[in-house]
Amino acid sequence: MAPIPKTMFGVVISRPGGPDVLEYKTDLPVPSLGEGQILVRNEYVGVNYIDTYFRTGLYKPPSPSSNSNHPSTNGSNDTPSPYPLITGKEAAGTITASSHPSYPVGSRVVYLADNTYAQYTLLTFPLTQATILPASLTPETACAAYLQGLTALTFVREAAGITQQLGISEGPWTLVHAAAGGTGSMLVQILAVMGAKIIATAGGKQKCELAKKLGAGWVVDSSLPQEEVIQQVKEITNNKGVDVVFDGVGKATFGTVDLEIVARKGTIIVFGNASGAVEPVDLFRLMPKNIKIMRPSMPGYITTPEEKETFTSELFDLLVTGKIHANIHQVYPLKNVAQAHIDLESRKTTGKLLLKVE
């Protein structure tokens, strides 16, 4: 294996803002290995909506004081600024240095951590969100499927409570917004495996056709007026509504569409802010149909090694057996990350966006 350099390339943001604040650097320090840590040479990095939330300041950046990957970490006891910040939450690559016996040098891993928009990332024990890849999965496929696959799987199993494979006549009515996107496409595929009745919303003919191919039984064009979207869902369900709504769109759909289409005793699972953060809702609006609202976070479902093993094993099995697949929209060079963010936020992409680390 090639020696580890002292400097690396990566993408840094110095302030919150638009895609223009993403700066490609070639002289960042390579993190130093400590006890119970592994150093990963990244091959592919996932681009996710959460990356845009940290970039814009919607989400608070992680503190550099406890982050060995942070370019401003210098051992000072002063409270440092979170900037400059290497963003990114998901990557796959090869372990180049390790002080953890379960993660030997040369192993290929996929993982969830901060600071992945870089050539190298340091992971610290406990490594509950790093998984050694089986030989049957490439780093590209694993990176394309890991974060959004685990998100979809945990939300279906834990948040929605769909815990067994049912016949299509038995399965619950579900609706997935933005079904042609990264998480949406995974939700549709996993719900199809589980035997749910799936209504997918997607913007435009091409995205609707993709959602149908992924396993949706019915598709509704979300570019239609919301009154028409609501009416079509009610017609499909014989005015019953859907038992579970999976909403990664947020502001544009929650207070209008979701509350109208959810069935009596139904559940709305809000997990994204693609159109903006959900505005406060009057709780009395939930009372007539006894609606449940959840705002889950995938990491909260895999906080222990046992939980990680359960969900990653199921996800990898679904991928290896071909029951689901990673739908990759485009692979960009790392230095073109700003364009990837522009494309993602345009909501014109289908599936996963990846960055290739040369």
Protein backbone atom coordinates (compact mmCIF):
# COMPACT_ATOMS: atom_id res chain seq x y z
CA MET A 1 0.00 0.00 0.00
CA ALA A 2 1.27 3.48 -0.89
CA PRO A 3 2.63 5.61 1.97
CA ILE A 4 0.25 8.08 3.57
CA PRO A 5 1.04 11.68 2.57
CA LYS A 6 1.22 14.58 5.01
CA THR A 7 -1.28 16.69 3.06
CA MET A 8 -4.44 15.86 1.17
CA PHE A 9 -7.06 17.45 -1.04
CA GLY A 10 -10.60 18.14 0.09
CA VAL A 11 -13.51 20.57 0.06
CA VAL A 12 -13.77 23.26 2.74
CA ILE A 13 -16.43 25.83 3.60
CA SER A 14 -15.36 28.96 5.49
CA ARG A 15 -18.85 30.36 6.05
CA PRO A 16 -22.44 29.28 5.47
CA GLY A 17 -23.88 30.09 2.07
CA GLY A 18 -24.63 28.85 -1.43
CA PRO A 19 -22.67 26.31 -3.49
CA ASP A 20 -20.02 28.97 -4.15
CA VAL A 21 -18.71 28.62 -0.56
CA LEU A 22 -17.46 25.09 -1.35
CA GLU A 23 -13.70 25.50 -1.88
CA TYR A 24 -11.47 22.75 -3.28
CA LYS A 25 -8.12 22.70 -1.42
CA THR A 26 -4.98 20.67 -2.09
CA ASP A 27 -2.97 21.39 1.08
CA LEU A 28 -5.15 20.16 3.94
CA PRO A 29 -3.41 18.20 6.72
CA VAL A 30 -3.98 14.45 6.80
CA PRO A 31 -5.45 13.53 10.23
CA SER A 32 -3.12 11.69 12.62
CA LEU A 33 -4.11 8.23 13.82
CA GLY A 34 -4.90 7.80 17.51
CA GLU A 35 -5.99 4.94 19.77
CA GLY A 36 -9.04 3.04 18.55
CA GLN A 37 -9.12 4.86 15.23
CA ILE A 38 -8.89 4.05 11.54
CA LEU A 39 -7.82 6.23 8.63
CA VAL A 40 -9.76 5.70 5.41
CA ARG A 41 -8.58 6.68 1.96
CA ASN A 42 -11.89 7.59 0.37
CA GLU A 43 -12.84 6.39 -3.11
CA TYR A 44 -16.44 7.60 -3.33
CA VAL A 45 -18.32 10.20 -1.31
CA GLY A 46 -22.10 10.47 -1.14
CA VAL A 47 -23.84 13.79 -1.76
CA ASN A 48 -26.93 14.17 0.41
CA TYR A 49 -29.43 16.88 1.28
CA ILE A 50 -28.02 17.00 4.80
CA ASP A 51 -24.76 18.28 3.26
CA THR A 52 -26.65 21.29 1.89
CA TYR A 53 -28.22 21.90 5.32
CA PHE A 54 -24.76 22.17 6.92
CA ARG A 55 -23.51 24.28 4.02
CA THR A 56 -26.35 26.80 4.30
CA GLY A 57 -26.32 26.88 8.11
CA LEU A 58 -29.77 25.29 8.49
CA TYR A 59 -28.02 22.65 10.65
CA LYS A 60 -25.34 23.63 13.16
CA PRO A 61 -21.86 22.39 12.12
CA PRO A 62 -20.14 19.84 14.40
CA SER A 63 -17.76 21.28 16.98
CA PRO A 64 -14.11 21.11 15.90
CA SER A 65 -12.96 20.57 19.50
CA SER A 66 -14.00 16.91 19.32
CA ASN A 67 -13.29 16.43 15.63
CA SER A 68 -9.82 15.24 14.63
CA ASN A 69 -10.64 15.70 10.94
CA HIS A 70 -11.38 19.39 11.39
CA PRO A 71 -8.83 21.62 9.62
CA SER A 72 -8.85 24.17 12.47
CA THR A 73 -8.24 21.69 15.32
CA ASN A 74 -5.02 22.77 17.04
CA GLY A 75 -5.29 21.56 20.62
CA SER A 76 -6.32 24.94 22.03
CA ASN A 77 -8.71 25.04 25.00
CA ASP A 78 -10.47 28.05 23.51
CA THR A 79 -13.86 27.48 21.93
CA PRO A 80 -13.00 27.47 18.22
CA SER A 81 -15.16 28.50 15.31
CA PRO A 82 -16.77 25.60 13.41
CA TYR A 83 -15.23 27.09 10.27
CA PRO A 84 -13.35 26.25 8.14
CA LEU A 85 -15.28 23.00 7.87
CA ILE A 86 -14.90 19.88 5.76
CA THR A 87 -18.47 18.75 5.21
CA GLY A 88 -19.93 15.42 4.04
CA LYS A 89 -21.49 12.52 5.95
CA GLU A 90 -20.97 9.35 3.90
CA ALA A 91 -18.12 7.65 2.01
CA ALA A 92 -16.53 4.37 1.03
CA GLY A 93 -12.88 3.51 0.64
CA THR A 94 -9.92 1.53 1.95
CA ILE A 95 -8.39 1.51 5.43
CA THR A 96 -4.81 2.80 5.16
CA ALA A 97 -3.98 2.92 8.88
CA SER A 98 -5.64 1.31 11.88
CA SER A 99 -5.28 0.96 15.65
CA HIS A 100 -8.48 -1.07 15.92
CA PRO A 101 -8.17 -4.89 15.69
CA SER A 102 -11.56 -5.38 14.02
CA TYR A 103 -10.68 -3.05 11.14
CA PRO A 104 -7.39 -4.20 9.55
CA VAL A 105 -5.42 -2.17 7.03
CA GLY A 106 -6.47 -2.96 3.47
CA SER A 107 -10.12 -3.60 4.32
CA ARG A 108 -12.73 -1.84 2.21
CA VAL A 109 -15.34 -0.02 4.28
CA VAL A 110 -18.43 2.10 3.88
CA TYR A 111 -19.21 4.48 6.71
CA LEU A 112 -21.17 7.44 8.05
CA ALA A 113 -19.13 10.20 9.67
CA ASP A 114 -18.37 13.90 9.43
CA ASN A 115 -15.80 15.41 7.06
CA THR A 116 -16.04 13.00 4.13
CA TYR A 117 -15.47 15.55 1.33
CA ALA A 118 -11.76 14.76 1.46
CA GLN A 119 -9.07 12.33 0.37
CA TYR A 120 -8.75 10.88 3.89
CA THR A 121 -11.15 10.68 6.84
CA LEU A 122 -10.35 9.61 10.40
CA LEU A 123 -12.92 7.42 12.16
CA THR A 124 -12.95 7.06 15.93
CA PHE A 125 -14.10 4.13 18.12
CA PRO A 126 -16.87 3.14 18.72
CA LEU A 127 -17.23 2.58 14.99
CA THR A 128 -20.94 1.76 15.02
CA GLN A 129 -21.42 3.36 11.61
CA ALA A 130 -18.48 1.83 9.74
CA THR A 131 -18.93 -1.52 8.02
CA ILE A 132 -16.43 -3.74 6.24
CA LEU A 133 -17.71 -4.51 2.76
CA PRO A 134 -18.32 -8.03 1.51
CA ALA A 135 -16.45 -8.95 -1.67
CA SER A 136 -19.75 -8.92 -3.56
CA LEU A 137 -20.27 -5.15 -3.07
CA THR A 138 -18.17 -2.46 -4.73
CA PRO A 139 -17.35 0.79 -2.89
CA GLU A 140 -19.35 2.69 -5.53
CA THR A 141 -22.52 0.65 -4.98
CA ALA A 142 -22.09 0.64 -1.21
CA CYS A 143 -21.60 4.39 -1.04
CA ALA A 144 -24.60 4.97 -3.29
CA ALA A 145 -26.84 2.82 -1.09
CA TYR A 146 -25.58 3.07 2.48
CA LEU A 147 -26.96 6.27 4.03
CA GLN A 148 -30.22 6.39 2.11
CA GLY A 149 -30.66 2.62 2.19
CA LEU A 150 -30.25 2.51 5.97
CA THR A 151 -32.52 5.53 6.28
CA ALA A 152 -35.24 3.89 4.21
CA LEU A 153 -34.88 0.51 5.90
CA THR A 154 -34.97 1.85 9.47
CA PHE A 155 -37.89 4.16 8.69
CA VAL A 156 -39.89 1.32 7.14
CA ARG A 157 -39.07 -1.13 9.93
CA GLU A 158 -38.96 1.11 13.00
CA ALA A 159 -40.86 4.32 12.27
CA ALA A 160 -43.63 2.82 10.12
CA GLY A 161 -43.62 -0.53 11.92
CA ILE A 162 -43.69 -2.61 8.71
CA THR A 163 -41.78 -5.54 10.15
CA GLN A 164 -42.62 -8.46 7.90
CA GLN A 165 -43.05 -9.25 4.25
CA LEU A 166 -46.76 -9.19 3.47
CA GLY A 167 -48.79 -10.07 0.44
CA ILE A 168 -49.71 -7.07 -1.69
CA SER A 169 -53.37 -7.43 -0.68
CA GLU A 170 -52.43 -7.29 3.01
CA GLY A 171 -49.84 -4.53 2.99
CA PRO A 172 -50.56 -1.01 4.23
CA TRP A 173 -51.25 1.93 1.96
CA THR A 174 -48.12 4.06 1.77
CA LEU A 175 -47.18 7.24 -0.05
CA VAL A 176 -43.60 8.29 -0.84
CA HIS A 177 -42.94 11.88 -1.83
CA ALA A 178 -40.01 12.61 -4.18
CA ALA A 179 -39.96 8.93 -5.06
CA ALA A 180 -37.35 9.29 -7.80
CA GLY A 181 -34.77 10.82 -5.46
CA GLY A 182 -32.09 9.03 -3.47
CA THR A 183 -34.02 8.21 -0.29
CA GLY A 184 -37.36 8.08 -2.10
CA SER A 185 -36.16 5.48 -4.59
CA MET A 186 -34.85 3.32 -1.74
CA LEU A 187 -38.12 3.65 0.16
CA VAL A 188 -40.14 2.57 -2.88
CA GLN A 189 -37.95 -0.48 -3.48
CA ILE A 190 -37.92 -1.60 0.16
CA LEU A 191 -41.66 -1.04 0.57
CA ALA A 192 -42.22 -3.12 -2.57
CA VAL A 193 -40.17 -5.97 -1.08
CA MET A 194 -42.28 -5.68 2.08
CA GLY A 195 -45.51 -5.96 0.09
CA ALA A 196 -46.85 -2.47 0.80
CA LYS A 197 -49.28 -0.74 -1.52
CA ILE A 198 -47.22 2.20 -2.78
CA ILE A 199 -48.33 5.52 -4.20
CA ALA A 200 -45.34 7.52 -5.42
CA THR A 201 -45.25 11.23 -6.11
CA ALA A 202 -42.60 12.62 -8.45
CA GLY A 203 -42.23 15.70 -10.60
CA GLY A 204 -42.77 15.07 -14.30
CA LYS A 205 -43.28 12.13 -16.63
CA GLN A 206 -39.69 10.81 -16.52
CA LYS A 207 -39.54 10.69 -12.73
CA CYS A 208 -43.00 9.13 -12.51
CA GLU A 209 -41.94 6.40 -14.95
CA LEU A 210 -38.84 5.71 -12.85
CA ALA A 211 -40.91 5.43 -9.66
CA LYS A 212 -43.16 2.92 -11.41
CA LYS A 213 -40.15 0.84 -12.48
CA LEU A 214 -38.83 0.88 -8.92
CA GLY A 215 -42.00 -0.79 -7.67
CA ALA A 216 -44.67 1.83 -7.07
CA GLY A 217 -48.15 0.56 -7.83
CA TRP A 218 -49.49 4.04 -8.55
CA VAL A 219 -47.79 7.32 -9.42
CA VAL A 220 -49.00 10.91 -9.10
CA ASP A 221 -47.25 13.81 -10.79
CA SER A 222 -46.30 16.22 -8.00
CA SER A 223 -45.98 19.08 -10.48
CA LEU A 224 -49.78 19.14 -10.70
CA PRO A 225 -51.71 21.57 -8.46
CA GLN A 226 -51.85 20.19 -4.93
CA GLU A 227 -55.63 19.91 -5.06
CA GLU A 228 -55.27 17.48 -7.98
CA VAL A 229 -52.58 15.49 -6.16
CA ILE A 230 -54.87 15.14 -3.14
CA GLN A 231 -57.83 14.16 -5.29
CA GLN A 232 -55.86 11.49 -7.16
CA VAL A 233 -54.62 9.92 -3.92
CA LYS A 234 -58.15 9.83 -2.53
CA GLU A 235 -59.43 8.20 -5.72
CA ILE A 236 -56.68 5.57 -5.65
CA THR A 237 -57.45 4.67 -2.03
CA ASN A 238 -61.25 4.85 -2.38
CA ASN A 239 -61.25 7.90 -0.10
CA LYS A 240 -59.56 5.94 2.71
CA GLY A 241 -56.25 7.77 2.49
CA VAL A 242 -52.83 6.27 3.13
CA ASP A 243 -51.69 4.60 6.33
CA VAL A 244 -48.15 5.99 6.16
CA VAL A 245 -46.74 9.07 4.43
CA PHE A 246 -42.96 9.29 3.91
CA ASP A 247 -42.18 12.97 3.37
CA GLY A 248 -38.68 14.15 2.50
CA VAL A 249 -39.96 17.33 0.85
CA GLY A 250 -41.05 19.17 3.98
CA LYS A 251 -42.57 22.64 3.90
CA ALA A 252 -44.31 22.38 0.52
CA THR A 253 -46.18 19.16 1.30
CA PHE A 254 -46.58 18.65 5.05
CA GLY A 255 -49.21 21.20 6.04
CA THR A 256 -51.16 20.91 2.81
CA VAL A 257 -50.98 17.52 1.11
CA ASP A 258 -49.96 15.19 3.94
CA LEU A 259 -52.65 16.13 6.43
CA GLU A 260 -55.31 15.72 3.74
CA ILE A 261 -54.23 12.34 2.34
CA VAL A 262 -53.30 10.49 5.52
CA ALA A 263 -55.89 7.98 6.71
CA ARG A 264 -57.62 7.83 10.07
CA LYS A 265 -55.05 6.63 12.63
CA GLY A 266 -52.37 7.14 9.98
CA THR A 267 -48.76 8.21 10.41
CA ILE A 268 -46.83 11.02 8.73
CA ILE A 269 -43.07 10.48 8.76
CA VAL A 270 -41.24 13.71 7.96
CA PHE A 271 -37.52 13.26 7.36
CA GLY A 272 -36.33 16.00 5.02
CA ASN A 273 -36.48 19.67 4.15
CA ALA A 274 -35.98 19.69 0.37
CA SER A 275 -38.50 22.54 0.03
CA GLY A 276 -37.67 24.14 3.38
CA ALA A 277 -38.22 23.30 7.04
CA VAL A 278 -41.72 22.28 8.11
CA GLU A 279 -43.59 25.15 9.72
CA PRO A 280 -45.31 24.76 13.13
CA VAL A 281 -48.64 22.98 13.00
CA ASP A 282 -51.72 23.42 15.17
CA LEU A 283 -52.00 20.13 17.07
CA PHE A 284 -55.79 20.32 16.88
CA ARG A 285 -55.44 19.53 13.15
CA LEU A 286 -54.32 16.03 14.15
CA MET A 287 -57.35 15.32 16.33
CA PRO A 288 -60.13 14.54 13.79
CA LYS A 289 -58.25 11.56 12.32
CA ASN A 290 -55.98 10.73 15.31
CA ILE A 291 -52.90 11.34 13.16
CA LYS A 292 -49.40 10.51 14.39
CA ILE A 293 -46.43 12.61 13.29
CA MET A 294 -42.82 11.46 13.48
CA ARG A 295 -39.55 13.24 12.72
CA PRO A 296 -37.10 10.29 12.99
CA SER A 297 -33.35 10.23 12.51
CA MET A 298 -31.69 7.12 11.11
CA PRO A 299 -28.64 7.26 13.48
CA GLY A 300 -31.05 6.97 16.40
CA TYR A 301 -32.02 3.51 15.16
CA ILE A 302 -28.45 2.17 14.84
CA THR A 303 -26.75 3.43 17.98
CA THR A 304 -25.47 0.00 19.05
CA PRO A 305 -23.24 -2.48 17.20
CA GLU A 306 -26.09 -5.01 17.31
CA GLU A 307 -28.51 -2.60 15.63
CA LYS A 308 -25.93 -1.71 13.01
CA GLU A 309 -25.30 -5.38 12.27
CA THR A 310 -29.01 -6.12 11.93
CA PHE A 311 -29.78 -3.31 9.51
CA THR A 312 -26.56 -3.37 7.46
CA SER A 313 -26.82 -7.13 7.02
CA GLU A 314 -30.39 -6.81 5.75
CA LEU A 315 -29.46 -3.91 3.46
CA PHE A 316 -26.45 -5.71 1.99
CA ASP A 317 -28.52 -8.86 1.45
CA LEU A 318 -31.17 -6.88 -0.42
CA LEU A 319 -28.46 -5.35 -2.63
CA VAL A 320 -26.49 -8.55 -3.29
CA THR A 321 -29.61 -10.57 -4.13
CA GLY A 322 -30.83 -7.88 -6.50
CA LYS A 323 -34.07 -7.21 -4.64
CA ILE A 324 -33.11 -3.53 -4.56
CA HIS A 325 -30.43 -1.59 -6.39
CA ALA A 326 -28.56 1.69 -6.04
CA ASN A 327 -29.87 4.15 -8.59
CA ILE A 328 -26.87 6.42 -9.37
CA HIS A 329 -27.77 9.65 -11.15
CA GLN A 330 -24.22 10.92 -11.74
CA VAL A 331 -20.65 10.64 -10.48
CA TYR A 332 -18.75 13.96 -10.24
CA PRO A 333 -15.05 14.59 -9.61
CA LEU A 334 -14.58 15.82 -6.03
CA LYS A 335 -13.48 19.24 -7.28
CA ASN A 336 -16.89 19.64 -8.99
CA VAL A 337 -18.83 19.32 -5.74
CA ALA A 338 -20.44 22.76 -6.17
CA GLN A 339 -22.13 21.57 -9.36
CA ALA A 340 -23.34 18.46 -7.55
CA HIS A 341 -24.98 20.67 -4.89
CA ILE A 342 -26.55 22.86 -7.58
CA ASP A 343 -27.97 19.81 -9.34
CA LEU A 344 -29.26 18.27 -6.11
CA GLU A 345 -30.99 21.44 -4.96
CA SER A 346 -32.58 21.92 -8.38
CA ARG A 347 -34.64 18.77 -7.66
CA LYS A 348 -34.04 17.68 -11.25
CA THR A 349 -31.93 14.64 -10.35
CA THR A 350 -33.05 11.04 -9.97
CA GLY A 351 -31.29 8.72 -7.56
CA LYS A 352 -27.91 9.17 -5.92
CA LEU A 353 -25.17 11.71 -6.58
CA LEU A 354 -21.60 10.61 -5.87
CA LEU A 355 -18.20 12.31 -5.77
CA LYS A 356 -15.20 10.36 -7.10
CA VAL A 357 -12.01 10.85 -5.10
CA GLU A 358 -9.15 10.34 -7.56
